[in-house]
mmCIF file of all heavy atoms, coordinates in Angstrom:
data_MODEL
# 
_entry.id   MODEL 
# 
loop_
_atom_site.group_PDB 
_atom_site.id 
_atom_site.type_symbol 
_atom_site.label_atom_id 
_atom_site.label_alt_id 
_atom_site.label_comp_id 
_atom_site.label_asym_id 
_atom_site.label_entity_id 
_atom_site.label_seq_id 
_atom_site.pdbx_PDB_ins_code 
_atom_site.Cartn_x 
_atom_site.Cartn_y 
_atom_site.Cartn_z 
_atom_site.occupancy 
_atom_site.B_iso_or_equiv 
_atom_site.pdbx_formal_charge 
_atom_site.auth_seq_id 
_atom_site.auth_comp_id 
_atom_site.auth_asym_id 
_atom_site.auth_atom_id 
_atom_site.pdbx_PDB_model_num 
ATOM 1   N N   . ASN A 1 1  ? 131.626 95.286  59.629 1.00 0.00 ? 1  ASN A N   1 
ATOM 2   C CA  . ASN A 1 1  ? 130.899 96.552  59.688 1.00 0.00 ? 1  ASN A CA  1 
ATOM 3   C C   . ASN A 1 1  ? 129.409 96.295  60.043 1.00 0.00 ? 1  ASN A C   1 
ATOM 4   O O   . ASN A 1 1  ? 128.858 97.001  60.847 1.00 0.00 ? 1  ASN A O   1 
ATOM 5   C CB  . ASN A 1 1  ? 131.014 97.257  58.382 1.00 0.00 ? 1  ASN A CB  1 
ATOM 6   C CG  . ASN A 1 1  ? 132.385 97.877  58.206 1.00 0.00 ? 1  ASN A CG  1 
ATOM 7   O OD1 . ASN A 1 1  ? 133.124 98.076  59.128 1.00 0.00 ? 1  ASN A OD1 1 
ATOM 8   N ND2 . ASN A 1 1  ? 132.739 98.146  56.943 1.00 0.00 ? 1  ASN A ND2 1 
ATOM 9   N N   . TRP A 1 2  ? 128.844 95.211  59.521 1.00 0.00 ? 2  TRP A N   1 
ATOM 10  C CA  . TRP A 1 2  ? 127.428 94.917  59.808 1.00 0.00 ? 2  TRP A CA  1 
ATOM 11  C C   . TRP A 1 2  ? 127.311 94.554  61.268 1.00 0.00 ? 2  TRP A C   1 
ATOM 12  O O   . TRP A 1 2  ? 126.387 95.026  61.963 1.00 0.00 ? 2  TRP A O   1 
ATOM 13  C CB  . TRP A 1 2  ? 126.963 93.781  58.877 1.00 0.00 ? 2  TRP A CB  1 
ATOM 14  C CG  . TRP A 1 2  ? 125.591 93.306  59.215 1.00 0.00 ? 2  TRP A CG  1 
ATOM 15  C CD1 . TRP A 1 2  ? 124.431 93.944  58.912 1.00 0.00 ? 2  TRP A CD1 1 
ATOM 16  C CD2 . TRP A 1 2  ? 125.217 92.130  59.945 1.00 0.00 ? 2  TRP A CD2 1 
ATOM 17  N NE1 . TRP A 1 2  ? 123.364 93.217  59.412 1.00 0.00 ? 2  TRP A NE1 1 
ATOM 18  C CE2 . TRP A 1 2  ? 123.871 92.087  60.023 1.00 0.00 ? 2  TRP A CE2 1 
ATOM 19  C CE3 . TRP A 1 2  ? 125.965 91.092  60.469 1.00 0.00 ? 2  TRP A CE3 1 
ATOM 20  C CZ2 . TRP A 1 2  ? 123.174 91.031  60.648 1.00 0.00 ? 2  TRP A CZ2 1 
ATOM 21  C CZ3 . TRP A 1 2  ? 125.273 90.028  61.122 1.00 0.00 ? 2  TRP A CZ3 1 
ATOM 22  C CH2 . TRP A 1 2  ? 123.886 90.041  61.202 1.00 0.00 ? 2  TRP A CH2 1 
ATOM 23  N N   . LEU A 1 3  ? 128.182 93.702  61.804 1.00 0.00 ? 3  LEU A N   1 
ATOM 24  C CA  . LEU A 1 3  ? 128.106 93.307  63.201 1.00 0.00 ? 3  LEU A CA  1 
ATOM 25  C C   . LEU A 1 3  ? 128.280 94.485  64.170 1.00 0.00 ? 3  LEU A C   1 
ATOM 26  O O   . LEU A 1 3  ? 127.533 94.564  65.114 1.00 0.00 ? 3  LEU A O   1 
ATOM 27  C CB  . LEU A 1 3  ? 129.188 92.276  63.492 1.00 0.00 ? 3  LEU A CB  1 
ATOM 28  C CG  . LEU A 1 3  ? 128.781 90.855  63.366 1.00 0.00 ? 3  LEU A CG  1 
ATOM 29  C CD1 . LEU A 1 3  ? 129.986 89.922  63.615 1.00 0.00 ? 3  LEU A CD1 1 
ATOM 30  C CD2 . LEU A 1 3  ? 127.633 90.494  64.246 1.00 0.00 ? 3  LEU A CD2 1 
ATOM 31  N N   . VAL A 1 4  ? 129.220 95.355  63.897 1.00 0.00 ? 4  VAL A N   1 
ATOM 32  C CA  . VAL A 1 4  ? 129.454 96.488  64.783 1.00 0.00 ? 4  VAL A CA  1 
ATOM 33  C C   . VAL A 1 4  ? 128.175 97.343  64.779 1.00 0.00 ? 4  VAL A C   1 
ATOM 34  O O   . VAL A 1 4  ? 127.726 97.778  65.843 1.00 0.00 ? 4  VAL A O   1 
ATOM 35  C CB  . VAL A 1 4  ? 130.655 97.295  64.320 1.00 0.00 ? 4  VAL A CB  1 
ATOM 36  C CG1 . VAL A 1 4  ? 130.717 98.654  65.026 1.00 0.00 ? 4  VAL A CG1 1 
ATOM 37  C CG2 . VAL A 1 4  ? 131.924 96.515  64.563 1.00 0.00 ? 4  VAL A CG2 1 
ATOM 38  N N   . ASN A 1 5  ? 127.543 97.521  63.625 1.00 0.00 ? 5  ASN A N   1 
ATOM 39  C CA  . ASN A 1 5  ? 126.285 98.286  63.529 1.00 0.00 ? 5  ASN A CA  1 
ATOM 40  C C   . ASN A 1 5  ? 125.158 97.612  64.322 1.00 0.00 ? 5  ASN A C   1 
ATOM 41  O O   . ASN A 1 5  ? 124.414 98.235  65.015 1.00 0.00 ? 5  ASN A O   1 
ATOM 42  C CB  . ASN A 1 5  ? 125.924 98.453  62.051 1.00 0.00 ? 5  ASN A CB  1 
ATOM 43  C CG  . ASN A 1 5  ? 124.737 99.399  61.864 1.00 0.00 ? 5  ASN A CG  1 
ATOM 44  O OD1 . ASN A 1 5  ? 124.498 100.287 62.697 1.00 0.00 ? 5  ASN A OD1 1 
ATOM 45  N ND2 . ASN A 1 5  ? 123.964 99.125  60.851 1.00 0.00 ? 5  ASN A ND2 1 
ATOM 46  N N   . VAL A 1 6  ? 125.060 96.278  64.173 1.00 0.00 ? 6  VAL A N   1 
ATOM 47  C CA  . VAL A 1 6  ? 123.991 95.525  64.907 1.00 0.00 ? 6  VAL A CA  1 
ATOM 48  C C   . VAL A 1 6  ? 124.172 95.733  66.430 1.00 0.00 ? 6  VAL A C   1 
ATOM 49  O O   . VAL A 1 6  ? 123.253 95.984  67.142 1.00 0.00 ? 6  VAL A O   1 
ATOM 50  C CB  . VAL A 1 6  ? 124.035 94.063  64.520 1.00 0.00 ? 6  VAL A CB  1 
ATOM 51  C CG1 . VAL A 1 6  ? 123.221 93.226  65.465 1.00 0.00 ? 6  VAL A CG1 1 
ATOM 52  C CG2 . VAL A 1 6  ? 123.475 93.868  63.072 1.00 0.00 ? 6  VAL A CG2 1 
ATOM 53  N N   . PHE A 1 7  ? 125.379 95.576  66.885 1.00 0.00 ? 7  PHE A N   1 
ATOM 54  C CA  . PHE A 1 7  ? 125.664 95.651  68.331 1.00 0.00 ? 7  PHE A CA  1 
ATOM 55  C C   . PHE A 1 7  ? 125.489 97.075  68.840 1.00 0.00 ? 7  PHE A C   1 
ATOM 56  O O   . PHE A 1 7  ? 125.130 97.295  69.989 1.00 0.00 ? 7  PHE A O   1 
ATOM 57  C CB  . PHE A 1 7  ? 127.060 95.109  68.693 1.00 0.00 ? 7  PHE A CB  1 
ATOM 58  C CG  . PHE A 1 7  ? 127.049 93.640  68.926 1.00 0.00 ? 7  PHE A CG  1 
ATOM 59  C CD1 . PHE A 1 7  ? 127.076 92.738  67.839 1.00 0.00 ? 7  PHE A CD1 1 
ATOM 60  C CD2 . PHE A 1 7  ? 126.948 93.114  70.177 1.00 0.00 ? 7  PHE A CD2 1 
ATOM 61  C CE1 . PHE A 1 7  ? 127.099 91.386  68.028 1.00 0.00 ? 7  PHE A CE1 1 
ATOM 62  C CE2 . PHE A 1 7  ? 126.936 91.751  70.405 1.00 0.00 ? 7  PHE A CE2 1 
ATOM 63  C CZ  . PHE A 1 7  ? 127.026 90.877  69.312 1.00 0.00 ? 7  PHE A CZ  1 
ATOM 64  N N   . GLN A 1 8  ? 125.772 98.057  68.012 1.00 0.00 ? 8  GLN A N   1 
ATOM 65  C CA  . GLN A 1 8  ? 125.606 99.457  68.475 1.00 0.00 ? 8  GLN A CA  1 
ATOM 66  C C   . GLN A 1 8  ? 124.147 99.839  68.599 1.00 0.00 ? 8  GLN A C   1 
ATOM 67  O O   . GLN A 1 8  ? 123.787 100.689 69.397 1.00 0.00 ? 8  GLN A O   1 
ATOM 68  C CB  . GLN A 1 8  ? 126.297 100.411 67.527 1.00 0.00 ? 8  GLN A CB  1 
ATOM 69  C CG  . GLN A 1 8  ? 127.816 100.376 67.635 1.00 0.00 ? 8  GLN A CG  1 
ATOM 70  C CD  . GLN A 1 8  ? 128.481 101.271 66.571 1.00 0.00 ? 8  GLN A CD  1 
ATOM 71  O OE1 . GLN A 1 8  ? 127.827 101.700 65.590 1.00 0.00 ? 8  GLN A OE1 1 
ATOM 72  N NE2 . GLN A 1 8  ? 129.736 101.534 66.764 1.00 0.00 ? 8  GLN A NE2 1 
ATOM 73  N N   . HIS A 1 9  ? 123.247 99.202  67.846 1.00 0.00 ? 9  HIS A N   1 
ATOM 74  C CA  . HIS A 1 9  ? 121.845 99.568  67.790 1.00 0.00 ? 9  HIS A CA  1 
ATOM 75  C C   . HIS A 1 9  ? 120.944 98.596  68.590 1.00 0.00 ? 9  HIS A C   1 
ATOM 76  O O   . HIS A 1 9  ? 119.721 98.767  68.571 1.00 0.00 ? 9  HIS A O   1 
ATOM 77  C CB  . HIS A 1 9  ? 121.339 99.670  66.382 1.00 0.00 ? 9  HIS A CB  1 
ATOM 78  C CG  . HIS A 1 9  ? 121.962 100.836 65.659 1.00 0.00 ? 9  HIS A CG  1 
ATOM 79  N ND1 . HIS A 1 9  ? 123.104 100.727 64.863 1.00 0.00 ? 9  HIS A ND1 1 
ATOM 80  C CD2 . HIS A 1 9  ? 121.671 102.174 65.649 1.00 0.00 ? 9  HIS A CD2 1 
ATOM 81  C CE1 . HIS A 1 9  ? 123.396 101.912 64.390 1.00 0.00 ? 9  HIS A CE1 1 
ATOM 82  N NE2 . HIS A 1 9  ? 122.582 102.807 64.813 1.00 0.00 ? 9  HIS A NE2 1 
ATOM 83  N N   . ASN A 1 10 ? 121.501 97.618  69.268 1.00 0.00 ? 10 ASN A N   1 
ATOM 84  C CA  . ASN A 1 10 ? 120.710 96.627  69.995 1.00 0.00 ? 10 ASN A CA  1 
ATOM 85  C C   . ASN A 1 10 ? 121.435 96.307  71.330 1.00 0.00 ? 10 ASN A C   1 
ATOM 86  O O   . ASN A 1 10 ? 122.621 96.255  71.395 1.00 0.00 ? 10 ASN A O   1 
ATOM 87  C CB  . ASN A 1 10 ? 120.563 95.321  69.188 1.00 0.00 ? 10 ASN A CB  1 
ATOM 88  C CG  . ASN A 1 10 ? 119.801 95.572  67.923 1.00 0.00 ? 10 ASN A CG  1 
ATOM 89  O OD1 . ASN A 1 10 ? 118.564 95.730  67.923 1.00 0.00 ? 10 ASN A OD1 1 
ATOM 90  N ND2 . ASN A 1 10 ? 120.496 95.571  66.791 1.00 0.00 ? 10 ASN A ND2 1 
ATOM 91  N N   . GLU A 1 11 ? 120.624 96.121  72.312 1.00 0.00 ? 11 GLU A N   1 
ATOM 92  C CA  . GLU A 1 11 ? 121.164 95.736  73.648 1.00 0.00 ? 11 GLU A CA  1 
ATOM 93  C C   . GLU A 1 11 ? 121.279 94.212  73.724 1.00 0.00 ? 11 GLU A C   1 
ATOM 94  O O   . GLU A 1 11 ? 120.443 93.517  74.300 1.00 0.00 ? 11 GLU A O   1 
ATOM 95  C CB  . GLU A 1 11 ? 120.175 96.246  74.721 1.00 0.00 ? 11 GLU A CB  1 
ATOM 96  C CG  . GLU A 1 11 ? 120.750 96.087  76.150 1.00 0.00 ? 11 GLU A CG  1 
ATOM 97  C CD  . GLU A 1 11 ? 119.738 96.526  77.171 1.00 0.00 ? 11 GLU A CD  1 
ATOM 98  O OE1 . GLU A 1 11 ? 118.951 97.444  76.874 1.00 0.00 ? 11 GLU A OE1 1 
ATOM 99  O OE2 . GLU A 1 11 ? 119.742 96.006  78.255 1.00 0.00 ? 11 GLU A OE2 1 
ATOM 100 N N   . ILE A 1 12 ? 122.338 93.713  73.107 1.00 0.00 ? 12 ILE A N   1 
ATOM 101 C CA  . ILE A 1 12 ? 122.527 92.274  72.974 1.00 0.00 ? 12 ILE A CA  1 
ATOM 102 C C   . ILE A 1 12 ? 123.411 91.782  74.124 1.00 0.00 ? 12 ILE A C   1 
ATOM 103 O O   . ILE A 1 12 ? 124.506 92.253  74.311 1.00 0.00 ? 12 ILE A O   1 
ATOM 104 C CB  . ILE A 1 12 ? 123.143 91.893  71.648 1.00 0.00 ? 12 ILE A CB  1 
ATOM 105 C CG1 . ILE A 1 12 ? 122.275 92.355  70.495 1.00 0.00 ? 12 ILE A CG1 1 
ATOM 106 C CG2 . ILE A 1 12 ? 123.423 90.409  71.573 1.00 0.00 ? 12 ILE A CG2 1 
ATOM 107 C CD1 . ILE A 1 12 ? 122.934 92.200  69.142 1.00 0.00 ? 12 ILE A CD1 1 
ATOM 108 N N   . GLU A 1 13 ? 122.864 90.806  74.893 1.00 0.00 ? 13 GLU A N   1 
ATOM 109 C CA  . GLU A 1 13 ? 123.691 90.196  75.980 1.00 0.00 ? 13 GLU A CA  1 
ATOM 110 C C   . GLU A 1 13 ? 123.868 88.697  75.753 1.00 0.00 ? 13 GLU A C   1 
ATOM 111 O O   . GLU A 1 13 ? 124.719 88.075  76.352 1.00 0.00 ? 13 GLU A O   1 
ATOM 112 C CB  . GLU A 1 13 ? 123.052 90.472  77.319 1.00 0.00 ? 13 GLU A CB  1 
ATOM 113 C CG  . GLU A 1 13 ? 123.239 91.936  77.697 1.00 0.00 ? 13 GLU A CG  1 
ATOM 114 C CD  . GLU A 1 13 ? 122.901 92.200  79.147 1.00 0.00 ? 13 GLU A CD  1 
ATOM 115 O OE1 . GLU A 1 13 ? 122.597 91.225  79.875 1.00 0.00 ? 13 GLU A OE1 1 
ATOM 116 O OE2 . GLU A 1 13 ? 122.902 93.355  79.536 1.00 0.00 ? 13 GLU A OE2 1 
ATOM 117 N N   . LYS A 1 14 ? 123.003 88.111  74.945 1.00 0.00 ? 14 LYS A N   1 
ATOM 118 C CA  . LYS A 1 14 ? 123.090 86.670  74.609 1.00 0.00 ? 14 LYS A CA  1 
ATOM 119 C C   . LYS A 1 14 ? 122.705 86.584  73.143 1.00 0.00 ? 14 LYS A C   1 
ATOM 120 O O   . LYS A 1 14 ? 121.796 87.301  72.682 1.00 0.00 ? 14 LYS A O   1 
ATOM 121 C CB  . LYS A 1 14 ? 122.166 85.856  75.460 1.00 0.00 ? 14 LYS A CB  1 
ATOM 122 C CG  . LYS A 1 14 ? 122.570 85.876  76.944 1.00 0.00 ? 14 LYS A CG  1 
ATOM 123 C CD  . LYS A 1 14 ? 121.538 85.134  77.752 1.00 0.00 ? 14 LYS A CD  1 
ATOM 124 C CE  . LYS A 1 14 ? 121.826 85.245  79.210 1.00 0.00 ? 14 LYS A CE  1 
ATOM 125 N NZ  . LYS A 1 14 ? 120.816 84.634  80.043 1.00 0.00 ? 14 LYS A NZ  1 
ATOM 126 N N   . LEU A 1 15 ? 123.299 85.631  72.437 1.00 0.00 ? 15 LEU A N   1 
ATOM 127 C CA  . LEU A 1 15 ? 123.080 85.569  70.996 1.00 0.00 ? 15 LEU A CA  1 
ATOM 128 C C   . LEU A 1 15 ? 122.809 84.135  70.560 1.00 0.00 ? 15 LEU A C   1 
ATOM 129 O O   . LEU A 1 15 ? 123.580 83.213  70.974 1.00 0.00 ? 15 LEU A O   1 
ATOM 130 C CB  . LEU A 1 15 ? 124.237 86.152  70.189 1.00 0.00 ? 15 LEU A CB  1 
ATOM 131 C CG  . LEU A 1 15 ? 124.069 86.361  68.782 1.00 0.00 ? 15 LEU A CG  1 
ATOM 132 C CD1 . LEU A 1 15 ? 122.990 87.336  68.465 1.00 0.00 ? 15 LEU A CD1 1 
ATOM 133 C CD2 . LEU A 1 15 ? 125.383 86.891  68.147 1.00 0.00 ? 15 LEU A CD2 1 
ATOM 134 N N   . VAL A 1 16 ? 121.795 83.867  69.817 1.00 0.00 ? 16 VAL A N   1 
ATOM 135 C CA  . VAL A 1 16 ? 121.468 82.579  69.161 1.00 0.00 ? 16 VAL A CA  1 
ATOM 136 C C   . VAL A 1 16 ? 121.722 82.829  67.681 1.00 0.00 ? 16 VAL A C   1 
ATOM 137 O O   . VAL A 1 16 ? 121.180 83.712  67.111 1.00 0.00 ? 16 VAL A O   1 
ATOM 138 C CB  . VAL A 1 16 ? 120.042 82.141  69.436 1.00 0.00 ? 16 VAL A CB  1 
ATOM 139 C CG1 . VAL A 1 16 ? 119.746 80.863  68.720 1.00 0.00 ? 16 VAL A CG1 1 
ATOM 140 C CG2 . VAL A 1 16 ? 119.740 82.027  70.930 1.00 0.00 ? 16 VAL A CG2 1 
ATOM 141 N N   . ILE A 1 17 ? 122.579 81.964  67.106 1.00 0.00 ? 17 ILE A N   1 
ATOM 142 C CA  . ILE A 1 17 ? 122.870 82.085  65.677 1.00 0.00 ? 17 ILE A CA  1 
ATOM 143 C C   . ILE A 1 17 ? 122.389 80.829  65.004 1.00 0.00 ? 17 ILE A C   1 
ATOM 144 O O   . ILE A 1 17 ? 122.805 79.691  65.339 1.00 0.00 ? 17 ILE A O   1 
ATOM 145 C CB  . ILE A 1 17 ? 124.365 82.320  65.397 1.00 0.00 ? 17 ILE A CB  1 
ATOM 146 C CG1 . ILE A 1 17 ? 124.892 83.542  66.104 1.00 0.00 ? 17 ILE A CG1 1 
ATOM 147 C CG2 . ILE A 1 17 ? 124.657 82.344  63.909 1.00 0.00 ? 17 ILE A CG2 1 
ATOM 148 C CD1 . ILE A 1 17 ? 126.385 83.752  65.959 1.00 0.00 ? 17 ILE A CD1 1 
ATOM 149 N N   . GLU A 1 18 ? 121.515 81.034  64.056 1.00 0.00 ? 18 GLU A N   1 
ATOM 150 C CA  . GLU A 1 18 ? 120.929 79.905  63.267 1.00 0.00 ? 18 GLU A CA  1 
ATOM 151 C C   . GLU A 1 18 ? 121.971 79.471  62.230 1.00 0.00 ? 18 GLU A C   1 
ATOM 152 O O   . GLU A 1 18 ? 122.492 80.292  61.511 1.00 0.00 ? 18 GLU A O   1 
ATOM 153 C CB  . GLU A 1 18 ? 119.650 80.354  62.572 1.00 0.00 ? 18 GLU A CB  1 
ATOM 154 C CG  . GLU A 1 18 ? 119.099 79.307  61.587 1.00 0.00 ? 18 GLU A CG  1 
ATOM 155 C CD  . GLU A 1 18 ? 118.173 79.950  60.560 1.00 0.00 ? 18 GLU A CD  1 
ATOM 156 O OE1 . GLU A 1 18 ? 117.931 81.204  60.611 1.00 0.00 ? 18 GLU A OE1 1 
ATOM 157 O OE2 . GLU A 1 18 ? 117.754 79.176  59.693 1.00 0.00 ? 18 GLU A OE2 1 
ATOM 158 N N   . ILE A 1 19 ? 122.184 78.178  62.168 1.00 0.00 ? 19 ILE A N   1 
ATOM 159 C CA  . ILE A 1 19 ? 122.999 77.611  61.103 1.00 0.00 ? 19 ILE A CA  1 
ATOM 160 C C   . ILE A 1 19 ? 122.032 77.103  60.044 1.00 0.00 ? 19 ILE A C   1 
ATOM 161 O O   . ILE A 1 19 ? 121.322 76.121  60.239 1.00 0.00 ? 19 ILE A O   1 
ATOM 162 C CB  . ILE A 1 19 ? 123.904 76.464  61.557 1.00 0.00 ? 19 ILE A CB  1 
ATOM 163 C CG1 . ILE A 1 19 ? 124.865 77.025  62.651 1.00 0.00 ? 19 ILE A CG1 1 
ATOM 164 C CG2 . ILE A 1 19 ? 124.685 75.889  60.422 1.00 0.00 ? 19 ILE A CG2 1 
ATOM 165 C CD1 . ILE A 1 19 ? 125.710 75.975  63.297 1.00 0.00 ? 19 ILE A CD1 1 
ATOM 166 N N   . GLY A 1 20 ? 121.958 77.789  58.913 1.00 0.00 ? 20 GLY A N   1 
ATOM 167 C CA  . GLY A 1 20 ? 121.063 77.390  57.843 1.00 0.00 ? 20 GLY A CA  1 
ATOM 168 C C   . GLY A 1 20 ? 121.818 76.730  56.688 1.00 0.00 ? 20 GLY A C   1 
ATOM 169 O O   . GLY A 1 20 ? 122.735 75.967  56.933 1.00 0.00 ? 20 GLY A O   1 
ATOM 170 N N   . SER A 1 21 ? 121.425 77.091  55.460 1.00 0.00 ? 21 SER A N   1 
ATOM 171 C CA  . SER A 1 21 ? 122.062 76.509  54.283 1.00 0.00 ? 21 SER A CA  1 
ATOM 172 C C   . SER A 1 21 ? 123.502 76.891  54.137 1.00 0.00 ? 21 SER A C   1 
ATOM 173 O O   . SER A 1 21 ? 124.321 76.111  53.626 1.00 0.00 ? 21 SER A O   1 
ATOM 174 C CB  . SER A 1 21 ? 121.263 76.831  53.059 1.00 0.00 ? 21 SER A CB  1 
ATOM 175 O OG  . SER A 1 21 ? 121.209 78.259  52.878 1.00 0.00 ? 21 SER A OG  1 
ATOM 176 N N   . ASP A 1 22 ? 123.872 78.130  54.545 1.00 0.00 ? 22 ASP A N   1 
ATOM 177 C CA  . ASP A 1 22 ? 125.243 78.573  54.511 1.00 0.00 ? 22 ASP A CA  1 
ATOM 178 C C   . ASP A 1 22 ? 125.856 78.254  55.867 1.00 0.00 ? 22 ASP A C   1 
ATOM 179 O O   . ASP A 1 22 ? 125.651 78.942  56.829 1.00 0.00 ? 22 ASP A O   1 
ATOM 180 C CB  . ASP A 1 22 ? 125.358 80.076  54.187 1.00 0.00 ? 22 ASP A CB  1 
ATOM 181 C CG  . ASP A 1 22 ? 126.777 80.554  54.058 1.00 0.00 ? 22 ASP A CG  1 
ATOM 182 O OD1 . ASP A 1 22 ? 127.698 79.828  54.386 1.00 0.00 ? 22 ASP A OD1 1 
ATOM 183 O OD2 . ASP A 1 22 ? 126.948 81.727  53.644 1.00 0.00 ? 22 ASP A OD2 1 
ATOM 184 N N   . VAL A 1 23 ? 126.647 77.179  55.913 1.00 0.00 ? 23 VAL A N   1 
ATOM 185 C CA  . VAL A 1 23 ? 127.184 76.690  57.155 1.00 0.00 ? 23 VAL A CA  1 
ATOM 186 C C   . VAL A 1 23 ? 128.336 77.570  57.663 1.00 0.00 ? 23 VAL A C   1 
ATOM 187 O O   . VAL A 1 23 ? 128.490 77.775  58.873 1.00 0.00 ? 23 VAL A O   1 
ATOM 188 C CB  . VAL A 1 23 ? 127.647 75.227  57.037 1.00 0.00 ? 23 VAL A CB  1 
ATOM 189 C CG1 . VAL A 1 23 ? 128.279 74.757  58.240 1.00 0.00 ? 23 VAL A CG1 1 
ATOM 190 C CG2 . VAL A 1 23 ? 126.451 74.351  56.674 1.00 0.00 ? 23 VAL A CG2 1 
ATOM 191 N N   . VAL A 1 24 ? 129.119 78.102  56.815 1.00 0.00 ? 24 VAL A N   1 
ATOM 192 C CA  . VAL A 1 24 ? 130.310 78.893  57.179 1.00 0.00 ? 24 VAL A CA  1 
ATOM 193 C C   . VAL A 1 24 ? 129.988 80.252  57.751 1.00 0.00 ? 24 VAL A C   1 
ATOM 194 O O   . VAL A 1 24 ? 130.573 80.700  58.722 1.00 0.00 ? 24 VAL A O   1 
ATOM 195 C CB  . VAL A 1 24 ? 131.289 78.980  56.019 1.00 0.00 ? 24 VAL A CB  1 
ATOM 196 C CG1 . VAL A 1 24 ? 132.488 79.852  56.359 1.00 0.00 ? 24 VAL A CG1 1 
ATOM 197 C CG2 . VAL A 1 24 ? 131.778 77.569  55.626 1.00 0.00 ? 24 VAL A CG2 1 
ATOM 198 N N   . LEU A 1 25 ? 129.022 80.971  57.171 1.00 0.00 ? 25 LEU A N   1 
ATOM 199 C CA  . LEU A 1 25 ? 128.751 82.348  57.561 1.00 0.00 ? 25 LEU A CA  1 
ATOM 200 C C   . LEU A 1 25 ? 128.419 82.482  59.052 1.00 0.00 ? 25 LEU A C   1 
ATOM 201 O O   . LEU A 1 25 ? 128.944 83.386  59.729 1.00 0.00 ? 25 LEU A O   1 
ATOM 202 C CB  . LEU A 1 25 ? 127.600 82.928  56.718 1.00 0.00 ? 25 LEU A CB  1 
ATOM 203 C CG  . LEU A 1 25 ? 127.197 84.366  57.052 1.00 0.00 ? 25 LEU A CG  1 
ATOM 204 C CD1 . LEU A 1 25 ? 128.383 85.337  56.875 1.00 0.00 ? 25 LEU A CD1 1 
ATOM 205 C CD2 . LEU A 1 25 ? 125.982 84.786  56.190 1.00 0.00 ? 25 LEU A CD2 1 
ATOM 206 N N   . PRO A 1 26 ? 127.652 81.582  59.703 1.00 0.00 ? 26 PRO A N   1 
ATOM 207 C CA  . PRO A 1 26 ? 127.364 81.780  61.122 1.00 0.00 ? 26 PRO A CA  1 
ATOM 208 C C   . PRO A 1 26 ? 128.659 81.673  61.960 1.00 0.00 ? 26 PRO A C   1 
ATOM 209 O O   . PRO A 1 26 ? 128.828 82.393  62.911 1.00 0.00 ? 26 PRO A O   1 
ATOM 210 C CB  . PRO A 1 26 ? 126.446 80.591  61.453 1.00 0.00 ? 26 PRO A CB  1 
ATOM 211 C CG  . PRO A 1 26 ? 125.756 80.333  60.185 1.00 0.00 ? 26 PRO A CG  1 
ATOM 212 C CD  . PRO A 1 26 ? 126.801 80.567  59.085 1.00 0.00 ? 26 PRO A CD  1 
# 
């Protein structure tokens, strides 16, 4: 649900995902 909301409200064509302390979530 969070991702669908993010993509509906932003013009995203490329994505950089930071891998921080929680390795699995990204």
